[in-house]
Protein backbone atom coordinates (compact mmCIF):
# COMPACT_ATOMS: atom_id res chain seq x y z
CA MET A 1 0.00 0.00 0.00
CA PHE A 2 2.75 2.44 0.85
CA GLY A 3 5.04 1.67 -2.08
CA ASN A 4 5.50 4.11 -4.92
CA SER A 5 3.56 1.93 -7.34
CA SER A 6 0.50 1.40 -5.12
CA PHE A 7 -1.48 4.27 -6.59
CA ASP A 8 0.06 4.34 -10.09
CA ARG A 9 -3.24 3.48 -11.80
CA VAL A 10 -5.11 6.17 -9.83
CA ARG A 11 -2.41 8.73 -10.63
CA GLN A 12 -2.61 7.83 -14.31
CA VAL A 13 -6.40 8.16 -14.40
CA PHE A 14 -6.09 11.58 -12.76
CA ALA A 15 -3.39 12.67 -15.23
CA ASP A 16 -5.51 11.40 -18.15
CA GLN A 17 -8.01 14.17 -17.39
CA PHE A 18 -5.40 16.46 -18.98
CA SER A 19 -4.96 15.76 -22.68
CA GLN A 20 -2.47 17.40 -24.98
CA ASP A 21 -3.39 19.06 -28.24
CA THR A 22 -1.56 21.39 -30.63
CA HIS A 23 -2.03 24.42 -28.33
CA GLY A 24 -1.06 22.83 -25.02
CA PHE A 25 -3.30 20.98 -22.59
CA ILE A 26 -7.02 20.81 -21.94
CA TYR A 27 -8.65 19.60 -18.75
CA ARG A 28 -11.85 17.55 -18.82
CA LYS A 29 -13.20 16.56 -15.41
CA GLY A 30 -13.59 12.80 -15.44
CA GLN A 31 -12.31 12.88 -19.05
CA LYS A 32 -15.77 13.87 -20.26
CA GLY A 33 -16.53 17.32 -18.84
CA PRO A 34 -16.18 20.60 -20.71
CA ALA A 35 -12.68 21.17 -22.12
CA ILE A 36 -10.85 23.93 -20.24
CA ARG A 37 -7.49 25.20 -21.53
CA VAL A 38 -4.59 24.91 -19.06
CA SER A 39 -0.90 25.58 -19.43
CA GLU A 40 1.71 22.87 -19.12
CA ASP A 41 2.85 24.36 -15.81
CA GLU A 42 -0.71 24.29 -14.45
CA ARG A 43 -1.13 20.69 -15.56
CA ASP A 44 2.16 19.66 -13.94
CA ARG A 45 1.22 21.51 -10.74
CA PHE A 46 -2.21 19.85 -10.57
CA VAL A 47 -0.72 16.38 -11.09
CA ALA A 48 2.11 16.93 -8.60
CA THR A 49 -0.28 18.31 -5.98
CA PHE A 50 -2.68 15.38 -6.43
CA ASN A 51 0.17 12.87 -6.15
CA SER A 52 1.51 14.43 -2.94
CA ARG A 53 -1.95 14.69 -1.33
CA ILE A 54 -2.71 11.05 -2.09
CA ARG A 55 0.68 9.98 -0.76
CA TYR A 56 0.11 11.91 2.50
CA ALA A 57 -3.42 10.54 2.80
CA ALA A 58 -2.16 6.98 2.34
CA TRP A 59 0.63 7.45 4.84
CA SER A 60 -1.81 8.93 7.37
CA ILE A 61 -3.70 5.63 7.52
CA PHE A 62 -0.86 3.93 9.43
CA PRO A 63 -0.60 6.38 12.37
CA ALA A 64 -4.39 6.67 12.51
CA THR A 65 -4.66 2.87 12.80
CA VAL A 66 -1.97 2.76 15.51
CA ALA A 67 -3.79 5.55 17.38
CA LEU A 68 -7.07 3.64 17.08
CA ILE A 69 -5.43 0.53 18.54
CA PHE A 70 -3.99 2.47 21.50
CA VAL A 71 -7.33 4.18 22.19
CA LEU A 72 -9.21 0.87 22.04
CA VAL A 73 -6.71 -0.86 24.33
CA TRP A 74 -6.91 2.04 26.76
CA LEU A 75 -10.71 2.46 26.78
CA ILE A 76 -11.92 -1.10 26.11
CA PRO A 77 -9.41 -3.64 27.45
CA ASP A 78 -11.73 -6.60 26.76
CA SER A 79 -11.14 -7.06 23.01
CA ASP A 80 -13.78 -9.82 22.73
CA SER A 81 -16.67 -7.69 23.96
CA PRO A 82 -19.42 -6.46 21.62
CA ALA A 83 -18.48 -2.88 22.50
CA ALA A 84 -14.91 -3.52 21.31
CA ASN A 85 -16.15 -4.98 18.03
CA ARG A 86 -18.41 -1.98 17.43
CA ALA A 87 -15.59 0.42 18.29
CA ILE A 88 -13.18 -1.36 15.93
CA TRP A 89 -15.66 -1.18 13.05
CA ALA A 90 -16.56 2.43 13.80
CA GLY A 91 -12.90 3.48 14.08
CA THR A 92 -11.98 1.69 10.85
CA ALA A 93 -14.93 3.31 9.08
CA MET A 94 -13.85 6.74 10.33
CA ILE A 95 -10.28 6.22 9.08
CA LEU A 96 -11.49 5.09 5.66
CA ALA A 97 -14.04 7.90 5.45
CA ALA A 98 -11.31 10.46 6.21
CA PHE A 99 -9.09 8.94 3.52
CA MET A 100 -11.90 8.99 0.95
CA ALA A 101 -12.78 12.60 1.83
CA ILE A 102 -9.16 13.66 1.27
CA PHE A 103 -9.03 11.65 -1.96
CA TYR A 104 -12.16 13.23 -3.46
CA TRP A 105 -11.10 16.68 -2.29
CA ALA A 106 -7.73 16.20 -4.05
CA TRP A 107 -9.46 14.78 -7.14
CA GLY A 108 -11.75 17.80 -7.46
CA ALA A 109 -9.02 20.44 -6.94
CA PRO A 110 -8.57 21.27 -10.66
CA SER A 111 -12.31 21.56 -11.16
CA ARG A 112 -12.66 23.90 -8.18
CA GLU A 113 -9.72 26.05 -9.25
CA LEU A 114 -10.77 26.27 -12.91
CA HIS A 115 -14.53 26.73 -12.37
CA ASN A 116 -14.43 30.41 -13.47
CA ARG A 117 -12.48 29.71 -16.66
CA ALA A 118 -14.56 29.55 -19.83
CA PRO A 119 -14.57 26.12 -21.51
CA GLU A 120 -13.28 25.91 -25.08
CA VAL A 121 -15.36 22.88 -26.02
CA ALA A 122 -18.58 21.50 -24.56
CA ALA A 123 -18.67 18.30 -22.53
CA LEU A 124 -18.61 14.99 -24.38
CA THR A 125 -21.95 13.51 -25.34
CA LYS A 126 -23.00 10.18 -23.81
CA ASP A 127 -21.94 8.30 -26.94
CA GLU A 128 -18.57 10.07 -27.09
CA ALA A 129 -17.93 9.41 -23.40
CA ARG A 130 -18.95 5.77 -23.81
CA ALA A 131 -16.66 5.36 -26.84
CA LEU A 132 -13.78 6.90 -24.88
CA ALA A 133 -14.41 4.58 -21.93
CA PHE A 134 -14.53 1.50 -24.15
CA SER A 135 -11.33 2.56 -25.94
CA LYS A 136 -9.50 2.43 -22.60
CA ILE A 137 -10.73 -1.08 -21.71
CA THR A 138 -8.89 -4.00 -23.28
CA TYR A 139 -10.37 -7.37 -24.14
CA GLY A 140 -7.78 -8.89 -21.80
CA GLN A 141 -9.21 -6.93 -18.89
CA LEU A 142 -12.71 -8.03 -19.84
CA ALA A 143 -11.52 -11.66 -20.01
CA LEU A 144 -10.12 -11.39 -16.49
CA GLY A 145 -13.63 -10.81 -15.04
CA PRO A 146 -15.06 -14.20 -16.07
CA LEU A 147 -11.91 -15.92 -14.76
CA MET A 148 -12.42 -14.16 -11.44
CA GLY A 149 -16.10 -15.18 -11.44
CA LEU A 150 -15.18 -18.82 -12.05
CA GLY A 151 -12.44 -18.60 -9.40
CA LEU A 152 -14.94 -17.23 -6.89
CA ILE A 153 -17.37 -20.07 -7.55
CA TRP A 154 -14.56 -22.64 -7.39
CA LYS A 155 -13.17 -21.26 -4.13
CA MET A 156 -16.54 -21.00 -2.42
CA SER A 157 -17.58 -24.48 -3.60
CA ALA A 158 -14.78 -25.89 -1.43
CA LYS A 159 -16.39 -24.31 1.66
CA THR A 160 -20.11 -24.50 0.91
CA ASP A 161 -22.61 -26.11 -1.40
CA VAL A 162 -23.05 -23.48 -4.13
CA LEU A 163 -25.99 -25.31 -5.70
CA HIS A 164 -28.33 -25.19 -2.68
CA GLY A 165 -29.54 -22.71 -0.06
CA TRP A 166 -27.46 -19.64 0.71
CA GLY A 167 -24.61 -21.05 -1.38
CA LEU A 168 -26.57 -19.98 -4.45
CA ILE A 169 -25.51 -16.40 -3.67
CA TRP A 170 -21.91 -17.26 -4.61
CA LEU A 171 -23.09 -18.91 -7.81
CA ALA A 172 -25.18 -15.81 -8.63
CA LEU A 173 -22.27 -13.44 -7.87
CA GLY A 174 -19.83 -15.39 -10.03
CA GLY A 175 -22.38 -15.78 -12.82
CA GLY A 176 -23.27 -12.10 -12.61
CA LEU A 177 -19.62 -11.09 -12.99
CA ILE A 178 -19.30 -13.36 -16.02
CA ALA A 179 -22.49 -11.93 -17.56
CA ILE A 180 -21.47 -8.30 -16.95
CA CYS A 181 -18.06 -8.83 -18.55
CA GLY A 182 -19.68 -10.61 -21.50
CA VAL A 183 -22.12 -7.77 -22.07
CA GLN A 184 -19.32 -5.20 -21.80
CA ALA A 185 -17.19 -7.16 -24.30
CA ILE A 186 -20.09 -7.18 -26.80
CA ARG A 187 -20.66 -3.45 -26.26
CA LYS A 188 -16.94 -2.74 -26.76
CA TRP A 189 -16.93 -4.82 -29.95
CA ARG A 190 -19.92 -2.83 -31.26
CA PHE A 191 -18.18 0.48 -30.53
CA ASP A 192 -14.88 -0.72 -32.05
CA ARG A 193 -16.55 -1.76 -35.32
CA PRO A 194 -16.09 0.76 -38.15
């Protein structure tokens, strides 16, 4: 979690909101919002600021967890009590909520700072946004979903009967993942066709 590569995909998705054209860079919130012109320095500053805020947010999880443990040991010495279990879940939820709040605040920083700047191009239409999203998904990624669905069913079948009773939930989850990836693969193929 704390390695340099832990958030590489998130950093890349954030940086992809800034695309280069012949006149510099444009910013599209979520890659589909209105296109706002930014300079290369602004783009580099936004990306560097996002990266540092996410790094600090990730590193803050460790001391917050240690503090939670000390507080729980101090206030609730009986770790098997229902009160301790509730406190652990509540503390963990608070730590994760704080991290997510910092993450979304950092993610929205360019949008907040550029909200007064006039857009050069309107936001992408639904079809354009969908085509862009499908262009970024590979068939290999879509093939991984059904493998994960089958793996889930296989793993859970070792512990429970997936063909009867509550075990059917695992069969439904695995089958649902396979179906969703199949539908997405067909939709991608339709968008990729000339």
